[in-house]
Amino acid sequence: MVIIKTEEEIEKMQVAGQILKELDLVLKEEIKPGVTTGHLDQIAERFIRGKGALPSFKGYGGFPGSICTSVNEEVIHGIPGSKLLRAGDIISIDMGAYIGGYHGDCARTYGVGEISPEDQTLIDVTKQSFFEGLRFAKAGCHLFEISAAIGDYVEQHGFSVVRDYVGHGIGRALHEDPAVPNYRQIGRGMRLVKGMVLAVEPMVNQGTFRIRVLDDKWTVVTADGKKAAHYENTLAITDGEPLLLTL
């Protein structure tokens, strides 16, 4: 069931979103060769708790980190720890904050030091695919118009879209209905209405769209070992342009 939010509820979600906007700026400055993913996680947890919020991911389904840190071929759900970042790596950081009864969720992918042009293109296309989908995140449009716009843009640039994981609704629960695929679907999907809040999150691979899960039961990697990128924002459907809560 899709839960429609009131304006007051969306205002509460903006508080969580603001925390993540600020956290993103903090972490971006910390991403450099020689830093561990565990160090980034510690910074994130201190920052989120320092704002009076809780890390949405900490303990969620047993996940041990406050953020997800996915490096190179790791698509999503990378567990922060002792892994050292090296020049030329790319890292996707997925962040969540819970405050006032509501969650915010966003993700970014950054290069570590100087990265290859191919990797930078992957990051740029992943980010832009979100904004291609955003054009259809309006009342009166349909959910799968977002999906098609994202997937078509990615594939036109020679990359592939992960199919096993999708975006989602968000609110009092971190994951709510509806599911938001990042690739073209049959039909148009449900009509979007004011008050829907979605976490739209393209996950894009340089090679095949196929993935596998490591023995830690969390970390999702590309099946062919090529790199992946992730970009996500929480947004609210309004009477006009969508309201980006984490950007």
C-alpha atoms as a PDB file:
ATOM      1  CA  MET A   1       0.000   0.000   0.000  1.00  0.00           C
ATOM      2  CA  VAL A   2       1.332   3.417  -0.974  1.00  0.00           C
ATOM      3  CA  ILE A   3       1.215   5.838   1.965  1.00  0.00           C
ATOM      4  CA  ILE A   4       0.432   9.421   0.984  1.00  0.00           C
ATOM      5  CA  LYS A   5       2.163  12.015   3.151  1.00  0.00           C
ATOM      6  CA  THR A   6       0.698  15.283   4.356  1.00  0.00           C
ATOM      7  CA  GLU A   7       2.577  18.547   3.954  1.00  0.00           C
ATOM      8  CA  GLU A   8       3.436  18.395   7.651  1.00  0.00           C
ATOM      9  CA  GLU A   9       4.912  14.919   7.253  1.00  0.00           C
ATOM     10  CA  ILE A  10       6.968  16.017   4.268  1.00  0.00           C
ATOM     11  CA  GLU A  11       8.295  18.933   6.306  1.00  0.00           C
ATOM     12  CA  LYS A  12       9.475  16.420   8.915  1.00  0.00           C
ATOM     13  CA  MET A  13      11.153  14.396   6.186  1.00  0.00           C
ATOM     14  CA  GLN A  14      12.942  17.534   5.040  1.00  0.00           C
ATOM     15  CA  VAL A  15      14.707  17.603   8.421  1.00  0.00           C
ATOM     16  CA  ALA A  16      16.162  14.141   7.756  1.00  0.00           C
ATOM     17  CA  GLY A  17      17.022  15.215   4.234  1.00  0.00           C
ATOM     18  CA  GLN A  18      18.874  18.292   5.449  1.00  0.00           C
ATOM     19  CA  ILE A  19      21.032  16.167   7.733  1.00  0.00           C
ATOM     20  CA  LEU A  20      21.994  13.977   4.783  1.00  0.00           C
ATOM     21  CA  LYS A  21      22.755  16.983   2.577  1.00  0.00           C
ATOM     22  CA  GLU A  22      25.172  18.233   5.197  1.00  0.00           C
ATOM     23  CA  LEU A  23      26.642  14.779   5.800  1.00  0.00           C
ATOM     24  CA  ASP A  24      27.324  14.358   2.103  1.00  0.00           C
ATOM     25  CA  LEU A  25      29.453  17.510   2.109  1.00  0.00           C
ATOM     26  CA  VAL A  26      31.393  16.274   5.142  1.00  0.00           C
ATOM     27  CA  LEU A  27      32.086  12.824   3.704  1.00  0.00           C
ATOM     28  CA  LYS A  28      33.010  14.184   0.289  1.00  0.00           C
ATOM     29  CA  GLU A  29      35.941  16.015   1.883  1.00  0.00           C
ATOM     30  CA  GLU A  30      37.099  12.853   3.699  1.00  0.00           C
ATOM     31  CA  ILE A  31      37.242  10.616   0.631  1.00  0.00           C
ATOM     32  CA  LYS A  32      40.926  10.337  -0.279  1.00  0.00           C
ATOM     33  CA  PRO A  33      43.598   7.661  -0.749  1.00  0.00           C
ATOM     34  CA  GLY A  34      44.580   5.926   2.492  1.00  0.00           C
ATOM     35  CA  VAL A  35      41.264   6.445   4.269  1.00  0.00           C
ATOM     36  CA  THR A  36      39.345   3.376   5.374  1.00  0.00           C
ATOM     37  CA  THR A  37      35.657   2.842   4.776  1.00  0.00           C
ATOM     38  CA  GLY A  38      35.320   2.273   8.519  1.00  0.00           C
ATOM     39  CA  HIS A  39      36.671   5.788   9.153  1.00  0.00           C
ATOM     40  CA  LEU A  40      33.959   7.216   6.893  1.00  0.00           C
ATOM     41  CA  ASP A  41      31.359   5.210   8.785  1.00  0.00           C
ATOM     42  CA  GLN A  42      32.541   6.554  12.139  1.00  0.00           C
ATOM     43  CA  ILE A  43      32.365  10.121  10.868  1.00  0.00           C
ATOM     44  CA  ALA A  44      28.871   9.526   9.505  1.00  0.00           C
ATOM     45  CA  GLU A  45      27.525   7.995  12.705  1.00  0.00           C
ATOM     46  CA  ARG A  46      28.922  10.798  14.873  1.00  0.00           C
ATOM     47  CA  PHE A  47      27.502  13.409  12.526  1.00  0.00           C
ATOM     48  CA  ILE A  48      24.020  11.888  12.310  1.00  0.00           C
ATOM     49  CA  ARG A  49      23.746  11.340  16.059  1.00  0.00           C
ATOM     50  CA  GLY A  50      25.143  14.802  16.666  1.00  0.00           C
ATOM     51  CA  LYS A  51      22.125  16.189  14.821  1.00  0.00           C
ATOM     52  CA  GLY A  52      19.763  14.335  17.130  1.00  0.00           C
ATOM     53  CA  ALA A  53      18.975  11.681  14.533  1.00  0.00           C
ATOM     54  CA  LEU A  54      19.675   7.956  14.199  1.00  0.00           C
ATOM     55  CA  PRO A  55      21.482   6.236  11.315  1.00  0.00           C
ATOM     56  CA  SER A  56      18.677   4.512   9.398  1.00  0.00           C
ATOM     57  CA  PHE A  57      20.883   1.624   8.313  1.00  0.00           C
ATOM     58  CA  LYS A  58      22.519   0.753  11.638  1.00  0.00           C
ATOM     59  CA  GLY A  59      21.094  -2.612  12.652  1.00  0.00           C
ATOM     60  CA  TYR A  60      18.554  -2.591   9.796  1.00  0.00           C
ATOM     61  CA  GLY A  61      18.097  -6.277   9.040  1.00  0.00           C
ATOM     62  CA  GLY A  62      21.313  -6.807  10.952  1.00  0.00           C
ATOM     63  CA  PHE A  63      23.429  -4.430   8.845  1.00  0.00           C
ATOM     64  CA  PRO A  64      26.456  -3.450  10.977  1.00  0.00           C
ATOM     65  CA  GLY A  65      27.275  -0.020   9.535  1.00  0.00           C
ATOM     66  CA  SER A  66      25.746   3.440   9.689  1.00  0.00           C
ATOM     67  CA  ILE A  67      26.365   3.930   5.970  1.00  0.00           C
ATOM     68  CA  CYS A  68      26.956   1.584   3.044  1.00  0.00           C
ATOM     69  CA  THR A  69      30.402   1.948   1.449  1.00  0.00           C
ATOM     70  CA  SER A  70      30.611   0.165  -1.903  1.00  0.00           C
ATOM     71  CA  VAL A  71      33.981   0.325  -3.689  1.00  0.00           C
ATOM     72  CA  ASN A  72      34.612  -0.302  -7.399  1.00  0.00           C
ATOM     73  CA  GLU A  73      32.751  -3.497  -8.428  1.00  0.00           C
ATOM     74  CA  GLU A  74      30.623  -3.333  -5.255  1.00  0.00           C
ATOM     75  CA  VAL A  75      27.222  -2.069  -6.365  1.00  0.00           C
ATOM     76  CA  ILE A  76      25.428  -1.530  -3.041  1.00  0.00           C
ATOM     77  CA  HIS A  77      25.393  -2.597   0.608  1.00  0.00           C
ATOM     78  CA  GLY A  78      29.153  -2.608   1.062  1.00  0.00           C
ATOM     79  CA  ILE A  79      29.984  -3.039   4.753  1.00  0.00           C
ATOM     80  CA  PRO A  80      32.355  -0.364   6.110  1.00  0.00           C
ATOM     81  CA  GLY A  81      35.502  -1.653   7.756  1.00  0.00           C
ATOM     82  CA  SER A  82      39.249  -1.897   7.241  1.00  0.00           C
ATOM     83  CA  LYS A  83      39.246  -1.542   3.453  1.00  0.00           C
ATOM     84  CA  LEU A  84      41.676   1.195   2.374  1.00  0.00           C
ATOM     85  CA  LEU A  85      40.719   3.530  -0.433  1.00  0.00           C
ATOM     86  CA  ARG A  86      43.283   3.829  -3.194  1.00  0.00           C
ATOM     87  CA  ALA A  87      43.807   6.432  -5.899  1.00  0.00           C
ATOM     88  CA  GLY A  88      41.702   5.469  -8.904  1.00  0.00           C
ATOM     89  CA  ASP A  89      38.971   3.768  -6.870  1.00  0.00           C
ATOM     90  CA  ILE A  90      35.373   4.886  -6.969  1.00  0.00           C
ATOM     91  CA  ILE A  91      33.167   4.638  -3.895  1.00  0.00           C
ATOM     92  CA  SER A  92      29.392   4.723  -3.557  1.00  0.00           C
ATOM     93  CA  ILE A  93      28.109   5.910  -0.205  1.00  0.00           C
ATOM     94  CA  ASP A  94      24.492   5.240   0.741  1.00  0.00           C
ATOM     95  CA  MET A  95      23.260   7.311   3.705  1.00  0.00           C
ATOM     96  CA  GLY A  96      20.102   7.261   5.779  1.00  0.00           C
ATOM     97  CA  ALA A  97      18.894   9.342   8.722  1.00  0.00           C
ATOM     98  CA  TYR A  98      15.855   8.882  10.969  1.00  0.00           C
ATOM     99  CA  ILE A  99      14.464  11.768  12.985  1.00  0.00           C
ATOM    100  CA  GLY A 100      11.021  12.861  14.142  1.00  0.00           C
ATOM    101  CA  GLY A 101       9.567   9.526  13.096  1.00  0.00           C
ATOM    102  CA  TYR A 102      10.677   9.717   9.450  1.00  0.00           C
ATOM    103  CA  HIS A 103      13.568   8.563   7.276  1.00  0.00           C
ATOM    104  CA  GLY A 104      15.651  10.203   4.583  1.00  0.00           C
ATOM    105  CA  ASP A 105      17.776   8.225   2.122  1.00  0.00           C
ATOM    106  CA  CYS A 106      20.349   9.222  -0.492  1.00  0.00           C
ATOM    107  CA  ALA A 107      23.465   7.917  -2.236  1.00  0.00           C
ATOM    108  CA  ARG A 108      26.414   9.376  -4.143  1.00  0.00           C
ATOM    109  CA  THR A 109      29.402   7.945  -6.001  1.00  0.00           C
ATOM    110  CA  TYR A 110      32.771   9.699  -5.873  1.00  0.00           C
ATOM    111  CA  GLY A 111      36.209   9.154  -7.310  1.00  0.00           C
ATOM    112  CA  VAL A 112      39.175   8.644  -5.002  1.00  0.00           C
ATOM    113  CA  GLY A 113      41.968  10.910  -6.169  1.00  0.00           C
ATOM    114  CA  GLU A 114      42.387  10.915  -9.954  1.00  0.00           C
ATOM    115  CA  ILE A 115      40.151   8.398 -11.719  1.00  0.00           C
ATOM    116  CA  SER A 116      39.912   7.203 -15.317  1.00  0.00           C
ATOM    117  CA  PRO A 117      37.738   9.035 -17.856  1.00  0.00           C
ATOM    118  CA  GLU A 118      35.638   5.868 -18.222  1.00  0.00           C
ATOM    119  CA  ASP A 119      34.940   5.764 -14.500  1.00  0.00           C
ATOM    120  CA  GLN A 120      34.068   9.458 -14.435  1.00  0.00           C
ATOM    121  CA  THR A 121      31.641   8.913 -17.309  1.00  0.00           C
ATOM    122  CA  LEU A 122      30.022   6.076 -15.360  1.00  0.00           C
ATOM    123  CA  ILE A 123      29.516   8.368 -12.370  1.00  0.00           C
ATOM    124  CA  ASP A 124      28.201  11.215 -14.526  1.00  0.00           C
ATOM    125  CA  VAL A 125      25.768   9.047 -16.487  1.00  0.00           C
ATOM    126  CA  THR A 126      24.433   7.465 -13.293  1.00  0.00           C
ATOM    127  CA  LYS A 127      23.795  10.861 -11.757  1.00  0.00           C
ATOM    128  CA  GLN A 128      22.217  12.309 -14.892  1.00  0.00           C
ATOM    129  CA  SER A 129      19.970   9.284 -15.292  1.00  0.00           C
ATOM    130  CA  PHE A 130      18.342  10.239 -11.993  1.00  0.00           C
ATOM    131  CA  PHE A 131      17.548  13.685 -13.380  1.00  0.00           C
ATOM    132  CA  GLU A 132      16.201  12.166 -16.590  1.00  0.00           C
ATOM    133  CA  GLY A 133      13.755  10.215 -14.451  1.00  0.00           C
ATOM    134  CA  LEU A 134      13.020  13.257 -12.299  1.00  0.00           C
ATOM    135  CA  ARG A 135      11.356  14.961 -15.285  1.00  0.00           C
ATOM    136  CA  PHE A 136       8.474  12.521 -14.854  1.00  0.00           C
ATOM    137  CA  ALA A 137       8.241  12.708 -11.054  1.00  0.00           C
ATOM    138  CA  LYS A 138       5.122  14.857 -11.203  1.00  0.00           C
ATOM    139  CA  ALA A 139       1.487  14.421 -10.268  1.00  0.00           C
ATOM    140  CA  GLY A 140      -0.358  13.042 -13.281  1.00  0.00           C
ATOM    141  CA  CYS A 141       2.644  11.198 -14.692  1.00  0.00           C
ATOM    142  CA  HIS A 142       3.078   7.476 -14.174  1.00  0.00           C
ATOM    143  CA  LEU A 143       5.630   5.644 -12.069  1.00  0.00           C
ATOM    144  CA  PHE A 144       7.156   3.634 -14.884  1.00  0.00           C
ATOM    145  CA  GLU A 145       7.787   6.769 -16.928  1.00  0.00           C
ATOM    146  CA  ILE A 146      10.494   7.475 -14.344  1.00  0.00           C
ATOM    147  CA  SER A 147      11.819   3.937 -14.788  1.00  0.00           C
ATOM    148  CA  ALA A 148      11.919   4.128 -18.577  1.00  0.00           C
ATOM    149  CA  ALA A 149      13.642   7.509 -18.656  1.00  0.00           C
ATOM    150  CA  ILE A 150      16.389   6.289 -16.322  1.00  0.00           C
ATOM    151  CA  GLY A 151      16.968   2.985 -18.095  1.00  0.00           C
ATOM    152  CA  ASP A 152      16.878   4.387 -21.604  1.00  0.00           C
ATOM    153  CA  TYR A 153      19.406   7.091 -20.776  1.00  0.00           C
ATOM    154  CA  VAL A 154      21.808   4.621 -19.160  1.00  0.00           C
ATOM    155  CA  GLU A 155      21.631   2.145 -22.022  1.00  0.00           C
ATOM    156  CA  GLN A 156      22.047   4.865 -24.637  1.00  0.00           C
ATOM    157  CA  HIS A 157      25.424   5.576 -23.030  1.00  0.00           C
ATOM    158  CA  GLY A 158      26.556   1.970 -23.170  1.00  0.00           C
ATOM    159  CA  PHE A 159      26.058   1.005 -19.529  1.00  0.00           C
ATOM    160  CA  SER A 160      23.585  -1.379 -17.894  1.00  0.00           C
ATOM    161  CA  VAL A 161      21.025  -0.980 -15.116  1.00  0.00           C
ATOM    162  CA  VAL A 162      20.831  -3.357 -12.151  1.00  0.00           C
ATOM    163  CA  ARG A 163      17.494  -5.171 -12.181  1.00  0.00           C
ATOM    164  CA  ASP A 164      17.583  -7.122  -8.920  1.00  0.00           C
ATOM    165  CA  TYR A 165      17.416  -3.998  -6.737  1.00  0.00           C
ATOM    166  CA  VAL A 166      15.172  -0.971  -7.195  1.00  0.00           C
ATOM    167  CA  GLY A 167      14.130   2.279  -5.584  1.00  0.00           C
ATOM    168  CA  HIS A 168      11.249   2.498  -3.142  1.00  0.00           C
ATOM    169  CA  GLY A 169       8.751   4.560  -1.258  1.00  0.00           C
ATOM    170  CA  ILE A 170       9.935   5.975   2.052  1.00  0.00           C
ATOM    171  CA  GLY A 171       8.477   7.589   5.150  1.00  0.00           C
ATOM    172  CA  ARG A 172       7.972   6.209   8.639  1.00  0.00           C
ATOM    173  CA  ALA A 173       9.542   3.021   7.274  1.00  0.00           C
ATOM    174  CA  LEU A 174      12.825   3.057   5.376  1.00  0.00           C
ATOM    175  CA  HIS A 175      11.312   0.922   2.621  1.00  0.00           C
ATOM    176  CA  GLU A 176       7.685   1.381   1.649  1.00  0.00           C
ATOM    177  CA  ASP A 177       5.597   0.818  -1.464  1.00  0.00           C
ATOM    178  CA  PRO A 178       5.901   1.405  -4.338  1.00  0.00           C
ATOM    179  CA  ALA A 179       8.949  -0.278  -5.832  1.00  0.00           C
ATOM    180  CA  VAL A 180      10.659   2.054  -8.321  1.00  0.00           C
ATOM    181  CA  PRO A 181      12.531   0.093 -11.032  1.00  0.00           C
ATOM    182  CA  ASN A 182      15.341   1.811 -12.923  1.00  0.00           C
ATOM    183  CA  TYR A 183      14.643   0.208 -16.297  1.00  0.00           C
ATOM    184  CA  ARG A 184      11.794   0.179 -18.806  1.00  0.00           C
ATOM    185  CA  GLN A 185       8.691  -1.761 -17.739  1.00  0.00           C
ATOM    186  CA  ILE A 186       5.649  -3.094 -19.544  1.00  0.00           C
ATOM    187  CA  GLY A 187       2.879  -0.528 -19.135  1.00  0.00           C
ATOM    188  CA  ARG A 188       2.984   2.837 -17.396  1.00  0.00           C
ATOM    189  CA  GLY A 189       2.556   1.829 -13.779  1.00  0.00           C
ATOM    190  CA  MET A 190       0.542   3.681 -11.166  1.00  0.00           C
ATOM    191  CA  ARG A 191      -0.377   7.327 -11.561  1.00  0.00           C
ATOM    192  CA  LEU A 192       1.692   9.633  -9.368  1.00  0.00           C
ATOM    193  CA  VAL A 193      -0.220  11.854  -6.943  1.00  0.00           C
ATOM    194  CA  LYS A 194       0.714  14.667  -4.603  1.00  0.00           C
ATOM    195  CA  GLY A 195       2.083  13.377  -1.315  1.00  0.00           C
ATOM    196  CA  MET A 196       3.923  10.338  -2.603  1.00  0.00           C
ATOM    197  CA  VAL A 197       7.516  10.243  -1.372  1.00  0.00           C
ATOM    198  CA  LEU A 198      10.013   8.154  -3.330  1.00  0.00           C
ATOM    199  CA  ALA A 199      13.654   7.194  -3.053  1.00  0.00           C
ATOM    200  CA  VAL A 200      14.763   7.007  -6.682  1.00  0.00           C
ATOM    201  CA  GLU A 201      18.155   5.337  -7.016  1.00  0.00           C
ATOM    202  CA  PRO A 202      19.765   4.287 -10.293  1.00  0.00           C
ATOM    203  CA  MET A 203      22.391   1.550  -9.861  1.00  0.00           C
ATOM    204  CA  VAL A 204      24.504   1.380 -13.011  1.00  0.00           C
ATOM    205  CA  ASN A 205      27.195  -1.072 -14.135  1.00  0.00           C
ATOM    206  CA  GLN A 206      29.961  -0.685 -16.688  1.00  0.00           C
ATOM    207  CA  GLY A 207      29.408  -4.236 -17.945  1.00  0.00           C
ATOM    208  CA  THR A 208      26.595  -6.706 -17.426  1.00  0.00           C
ATOM    209  CA  PHE A 209      23.584  -5.810 -15.312  1.00  0.00           C
ATOM    210  CA  ARG A 210      23.933  -9.142 -13.522  1.00  0.00           C
ATOM    211  CA  ILE A 211      25.074  -9.157  -9.916  1.00  0.00           C
ATOM    212  CA  ARG A 212      25.885 -11.550  -7.085  1.00  0.00           C
ATOM    213  CA  VAL A 213      25.901 -11.285  -3.304  1.00  0.00           C
ATOM    214  CA  LEU A 214      29.103 -12.007  -1.375  1.00  0.00           C
ATOM    215  CA  ASP A 215      29.343 -14.472   1.515  1.00  0.00           C
ATOM    216  CA  ASP A 216      28.796 -11.646   4.022  1.00  0.00           C
ATOM    217  CA  LYS A 217      25.150 -11.776   2.827  1.00  0.00           C
ATOM    218  CA  TRP A 218      25.157  -8.012   2.219  1.00  0.00           C
ATOM    219  CA  THR A 219      27.687  -6.808  -0.323  1.00  0.00           C
ATOM    220  CA  VAL A 220      26.323  -6.842  -3.874  1.00  0.00           C
ATOM    221  CA  VAL A 221      28.972  -6.945  -6.634  1.00  0.00           C
ATOM    222  CA  THR A 222      28.877  -6.965 -10.420  1.00  0.00           C
ATOM    223  CA  ALA A 223      28.979 -10.478 -11.869  1.00  0.00           C
ATOM    224  CA  ASP A 224      31.813  -9.569 -14.255  1.00  0.00           C
ATOM    225  CA  GLY A 225      33.928  -7.569 -11.789  1.00  0.00           C
ATOM    226  CA  LYS A 226      33.491  -4.273 -13.646  1.00  0.00           C
ATOM    227  CA  LYS A 227      32.742  -1.104 -11.727  1.00  0.00           C
ATOM    228  CA  ALA A 228      29.349   0.208 -10.662  1.00  0.00           C
ATOM    229  CA  ALA A 229      27.911   3.544  -9.540  1.00  0.00           C
ATOM    230  CA  HIS A 230      24.896   4.534  -7.442  1.00  0.00           C
ATOM    231  CA  TYR A 231      22.990   7.810  -7.158  1.00  0.00           C
ATOM    232  CA  GLU A 232      19.880   8.409  -5.035  1.00  0.00           C
ATOM    233  CA  ASN A 233      17.661  11.145  -3.676  1.00  0.00           C
ATOM    234  CA  THR A 234      14.470  11.202  -1.657  1.00  0.00           C
ATOM    235  CA  LEU A 235      11.795  13.279  -3.415  1.00  0.00           C
ATOM    236  CA  ALA A 236       8.196  14.271  -2.813  1.00  0.00           C
ATOM    237  CA  ILE A 237       5.547  14.513  -5.501  1.00  0.00           C
ATOM    238  CA  THR A 238       3.811  17.910  -5.450  1.00  0.00           C
ATOM    239  CA  ASP A 239       1.289  19.785  -7.592  1.00  0.00           C
ATOM    240  CA  GLY A 240       4.245  21.118  -9.597  1.00  0.00           C
ATOM    241  CA  GLU A 241       7.925  20.290  -9.724  1.00  0.00           C
ATOM    242  CA  PRO A 242       9.114  17.496  -7.401  1.00  0.00           C
ATOM    243  CA  LEU A 243      10.558  18.519  -4.077  1.00  0.00           C
ATOM    244  CA  LEU A 244      14.058  17.097  -3.592  1.00  0.00           C
ATOM    245  CA  LEU A 245      14.509  16.413   0.102  1.00  0.00           C
ATOM    246  CA  THR A 246      18.167  15.306  -0.002  1.00  0.00           C
ATOM    247  CA  LEU A 247      19.627  17.677  -2.602  1.00  0.00           C
END
